[in-house]
Amino acid sequence: MIDQAESMPLLLSACPSFARSWGEHQEEYGNAVLYVAAGSFAQHLLELHVANERSSFTKVAAAIERLHLEGTPWVKEFATIGVLEAVQNVWGNSGVDPEEFGRYLGPESRRWWDGLNKFWRGEAPYVRAEG
């Protein structure tokens, strides 16, 4: 099982260019407040997308899929409410269609991505995997 302490290192392994931002986060918060780090990670992915540097997206999506499939309950929730929701919010609020990242997701992550979308459209009372 992937535990909380392993979640950000797994994402960092998939996207090493996030190392500087992760280091800054650790200086400020230590290894805590991972939901804030997820927002920074989503912003970093957006910057890569805008710069047309998407080579890590397949690995990032695979890491998110592993969090969903192999994580503790906390990690699974973090993968959805932390990482995926951050991508949807950060990208969408920047005028970039979050589906530009969503198309990389594996099947389980996609189910949760779709569940987030359904929740935010008011079509579900809570976030759950769809499909």
C-alpha atoms as a PDB file:
ATOM      1  CA  MET A   1       0.000   0.000   0.000  1.00  0.00           C
ATOM      2  CA  ILE A   2       1.187   3.485  -0.832  1.00  0.00           C
ATOM      3  CA  ASP A   3       0.945   5.620   2.284  1.00  0.00           C
ATOM      4  CA  GLN A   4       0.685   9.368   2.765  1.00  0.00           C
ATOM      5  CA  ALA A   5       4.449   9.863   3.101  1.00  0.00           C
ATOM      6  CA  GLU A   6       5.024   8.156  -0.263  1.00  0.00           C
ATOM      7  CA  SER A   7       2.434  10.089  -2.277  1.00  0.00           C
ATOM      8  CA  MET A   8       4.379  13.242  -3.179  1.00  0.00           C
ATOM      9  CA  PRO A   9       7.665  11.389  -3.767  1.00  0.00           C
ATOM     10  CA  LEU A  10       5.795   9.181  -6.253  1.00  0.00           C
ATOM     11  CA  LEU A  11       4.482  12.250  -8.099  1.00  0.00           C
ATOM     12  CA  LEU A  12       7.922  13.856  -7.961  1.00  0.00           C
ATOM     13  CA  SER A  13       9.479  10.729  -9.424  1.00  0.00           C
ATOM     14  CA  ALA A  14       7.061  11.008 -12.350  1.00  0.00           C
ATOM     15  CA  CYS A  15       7.739  14.731 -12.778  1.00  0.00           C
ATOM     16  CA  PRO A  16      11.252  15.586 -11.571  1.00  0.00           C
ATOM     17  CA  SER A  17      10.939  19.174 -12.798  1.00  0.00           C
ATOM     18  CA  PHE A  18       8.655  19.783  -9.798  1.00  0.00           C
ATOM     19  CA  ALA A  19      11.620  19.256  -7.427  1.00  0.00           C
ATOM     20  CA  ARG A  20      12.341  22.952  -6.848  1.00  0.00           C
ATOM     21  CA  SER A  21       8.719  23.758  -6.009  1.00  0.00           C
ATOM     22  CA  TRP A  22       8.488  20.689  -3.772  1.00  0.00           C
ATOM     23  CA  GLY A  23      11.671  21.794  -1.987  1.00  0.00           C
ATOM     24  CA  GLU A  24      10.159  25.235  -1.400  1.00  0.00           C
ATOM     25  CA  HIS A  25       7.017  23.608  -0.038  1.00  0.00           C
ATOM     26  CA  GLN A  26       9.062  21.463   2.338  1.00  0.00           C
ATOM     27  CA  GLU A  27      10.985  24.515   3.587  1.00  0.00           C
ATOM     28  CA  GLU A  28       7.706  26.223   4.447  1.00  0.00           C
ATOM     29  CA  TYR A  29       5.552  23.292   5.589  1.00  0.00           C
ATOM     30  CA  GLY A  30       7.820  20.272   5.977  1.00  0.00           C
ATOM     31  CA  ASN A  31       6.128  17.187   4.570  1.00  0.00           C
ATOM     32  CA  ALA A  32       2.717  18.375   5.763  1.00  0.00           C
ATOM     33  CA  VAL A  33      -0.110  20.291   4.083  1.00  0.00           C
ATOM     34  CA  LEU A  34      -0.002  18.055   1.032  1.00  0.00           C
ATOM     35  CA  TYR A  35      -3.198  19.527  -0.381  1.00  0.00           C
ATOM     36  CA  VAL A  36      -1.348  22.832  -0.776  1.00  0.00           C
ATOM     37  CA  ALA A  37       1.457  20.944  -2.528  1.00  0.00           C
ATOM     38  CA  ALA A  38      -1.133  19.365  -4.839  1.00  0.00           C
ATOM     39  CA  GLY A  39      -2.205  22.848  -5.900  1.00  0.00           C
ATOM     40  CA  SER A  40       1.394  23.783  -6.623  1.00  0.00           C
ATOM     41  CA  PHE A  41       1.809  20.547  -8.549  1.00  0.00           C
ATOM     42  CA  ALA A  42      -1.269  21.339 -10.654  1.00  0.00           C
ATOM     43  CA  GLN A  43       0.132  24.810 -11.362  1.00  0.00           C
ATOM     44  CA  HIS A  44       3.443  23.259 -12.389  1.00  0.00           C
ATOM     45  CA  LEU A  45       1.684  20.876 -14.768  1.00  0.00           C
ATOM     46  CA  LEU A  46      -0.173  23.826 -16.278  1.00  0.00           C
ATOM     47  CA  GLU A  47       3.104  25.674 -16.812  1.00  0.00           C
ATOM     48  CA  LEU A  48       4.541  22.606 -18.541  1.00  0.00           C
ATOM     49  CA  HIS A  49       1.442  22.354 -20.725  1.00  0.00           C
ATOM     50  CA  VAL A  50       1.600  26.022 -21.733  1.00  0.00           C
ATOM     51  CA  ALA A  51       5.315  25.628 -22.524  1.00  0.00           C
ATOM     52  CA  ASN A  52       4.461  22.599 -24.692  1.00  0.00           C
ATOM     53  CA  GLU A  53       6.540  20.373 -22.387  1.00  0.00           C
ATOM     54  CA  ARG A  54       4.165  17.474 -21.822  1.00  0.00           C
ATOM     55  CA  SER A  55       6.648  14.599 -21.899  1.00  0.00           C
ATOM     56  CA  SER A  56       6.100  13.794 -18.207  1.00  0.00           C
ATOM     57  CA  PHE A  57       2.280  13.724 -18.406  1.00  0.00           C
ATOM     58  CA  THR A  58       2.048  10.013 -19.182  1.00  0.00           C
ATOM     59  CA  LYS A  59       4.233   9.193 -16.168  1.00  0.00           C
ATOM     60  CA  VAL A  60       2.319  11.632 -13.969  1.00  0.00           C
ATOM     61  CA  ALA A  61      -0.985  10.046 -14.984  1.00  0.00           C
ATOM     62  CA  ALA A  62       0.469   6.595 -14.260  1.00  0.00           C
ATOM     63  CA  ALA A  63       1.556   7.785 -10.809  1.00  0.00           C
ATOM     64  CA  ILE A  64      -1.932   9.153 -10.106  1.00  0.00           C
ATOM     65  CA  GLU A  65      -3.384   5.830 -11.243  1.00  0.00           C
ATOM     66  CA  ARG A  66      -1.103   4.014  -8.799  1.00  0.00           C
ATOM     67  CA  LEU A  67      -2.258   6.320  -5.998  1.00  0.00           C
ATOM     68  CA  HIS A  68      -5.847   5.378  -6.814  1.00  0.00           C
ATOM     69  CA  LEU A  69      -5.192   1.650  -7.121  1.00  0.00           C
ATOM     70  CA  GLU A  70      -2.513   1.041  -4.503  1.00  0.00           C
ATOM     71  CA  GLY A  71      -2.993   3.818  -1.966  1.00  0.00           C
ATOM     72  CA  THR A  72      -4.360   3.828   1.531  1.00  0.00           C
ATOM     73  CA  PRO A  73      -7.806   5.406   1.831  1.00  0.00           C
ATOM     74  CA  TRP A  74      -6.161   8.769   2.614  1.00  0.00           C
ATOM     75  CA  VAL A  75      -3.941   8.504  -0.475  1.00  0.00           C
ATOM     76  CA  LYS A  76      -6.860   7.579  -2.726  1.00  0.00           C
ATOM     77  CA  GLU A  77      -8.793  10.612  -1.518  1.00  0.00           C
ATOM     78  CA  PHE A  78      -5.713  12.798  -1.955  1.00  0.00           C
ATOM     79  CA  ALA A  79      -5.321  11.575  -5.541  1.00  0.00           C
ATOM     80  CA  THR A  80      -8.876  12.721  -6.281  1.00  0.00           C
ATOM     81  CA  ILE A  81      -9.612  15.712  -4.044  1.00  0.00           C
ATOM     82  CA  GLY A  82      -6.001  16.854  -3.866  1.00  0.00           C
ATOM     83  CA  VAL A  83      -4.423  16.247  -7.250  1.00  0.00           C
ATOM     84  CA  LEU A  84      -7.213  15.778  -9.788  1.00  0.00           C
ATOM     85  CA  GLU A  85      -9.436  18.488  -8.381  1.00  0.00           C
ATOM     86  CA  ALA A  86      -6.469  20.864  -8.231  1.00  0.00           C
ATOM     87  CA  VAL A  87      -5.741  20.239 -11.913  1.00  0.00           C
ATOM     88  CA  GLN A  88      -9.365  20.875 -12.813  1.00  0.00           C
ATOM     89  CA  ASN A  89      -9.504  24.097 -10.774  1.00  0.00           C
ATOM     90  CA  VAL A  90      -6.087  25.537 -11.598  1.00  0.00           C
ATOM     91  CA  TRP A  91      -6.306  24.772 -15.295  1.00  0.00           C
ATOM     92  CA  GLY A  92      -9.955  25.778 -15.662  1.00  0.00           C
ATOM     93  CA  ASN A  93      -9.446  29.052 -13.770  1.00  0.00           C
ATOM     94  CA  SER A  94      -6.519  29.817 -16.079  1.00  0.00           C
ATOM     95  CA  GLY A  95      -8.650  29.400 -19.183  1.00  0.00           C
ATOM     96  CA  VAL A  96      -7.095  26.076 -20.172  1.00  0.00           C
ATOM     97  CA  ASP A  97      -9.384  23.090 -20.678  1.00  0.00           C
ATOM     98  CA  PRO A  98      -8.521  20.571 -17.925  1.00  0.00           C
ATOM     99  CA  GLU A  99      -9.317  17.771 -20.379  1.00  0.00           C
ATOM    100  CA  GLU A 100      -5.951  18.560 -21.965  1.00  0.00           C
ATOM    101  CA  PHE A 101      -4.558  16.731 -18.935  1.00  0.00           C
ATOM    102  CA  GLY A 102      -7.549  14.479 -18.289  1.00  0.00           C
ATOM    103  CA  ARG A 103      -6.977  12.609 -21.532  1.00  0.00           C
ATOM    104  CA  TYR A 104      -3.771  11.129 -20.095  1.00  0.00           C
ATOM    105  CA  LEU A 105      -5.496   9.493 -17.120  1.00  0.00           C
ATOM    106  CA  GLY A 106      -5.765   5.770 -16.573  1.00  0.00           C
ATOM    107  CA  PRO A 107      -9.155   4.064 -16.159  1.00  0.00           C
ATOM    108  CA  GLU A 108      -9.542   4.360 -12.372  1.00  0.00           C
ATOM    109  CA  SER A 109      -8.321   7.949 -12.267  1.00  0.00           C
ATOM    110  CA  ARG A 110     -10.642   8.776 -15.141  1.00  0.00           C
ATOM    111  CA  ARG A 111     -13.598   7.397 -13.184  1.00  0.00           C
ATOM    112  CA  TRP A 112     -12.775   9.753 -10.315  1.00  0.00           C
ATOM    113  CA  TRP A 113     -12.133  12.664 -12.714  1.00  0.00           C
ATOM    114  CA  ASP A 114     -15.569  12.128 -14.199  1.00  0.00           C
ATOM    115  CA  GLY A 115     -17.038  11.893 -10.696  1.00  0.00           C
ATOM    116  CA  LEU A 116     -15.542  15.273  -9.841  1.00  0.00           C
ATOM    117  CA  ASN A 117     -17.042  16.758 -12.984  1.00  0.00           C
ATOM    118  CA  LYS A 118     -20.445  15.319 -12.193  1.00  0.00           C
ATOM    119  CA  PHE A 119     -20.309  16.652  -8.626  1.00  0.00           C
ATOM    120  CA  TRP A 120     -19.330  20.170  -9.712  1.00  0.00           C
ATOM    121  CA  ARG A 121     -22.108  20.208 -12.317  1.00  0.00           C
ATOM    122  CA  GLY A 122     -24.547  19.499  -9.496  1.00  0.00           C
ATOM    123  CA  GLU A 123     -25.418  16.053 -10.846  1.00  0.00           C
ATOM    124  CA  ALA A 124     -24.204  14.124  -7.775  1.00  0.00           C
ATOM    125  CA  PRO A 125     -24.473  14.876  -4.051  1.00  0.00           C
ATOM    126  CA  TYR A 126     -20.862  13.835  -3.426  1.00  0.00           C
ATOM    127  CA  VAL A 127     -17.770  12.814  -5.398  1.00  0.00           C
ATOM    128  CA  ARG A 128     -17.720   9.162  -6.403  1.00  0.00           C
ATOM    129  CA  ALA A 129     -16.094   7.185  -9.172  1.00  0.00           C
ATOM    130  CA  GLU A 130     -18.222   7.161 -12.293  1.00  0.00           C
ATOM    131  CA  GLY A 131     -18.596   4.456 -14.887  1.00  0.00           C
END
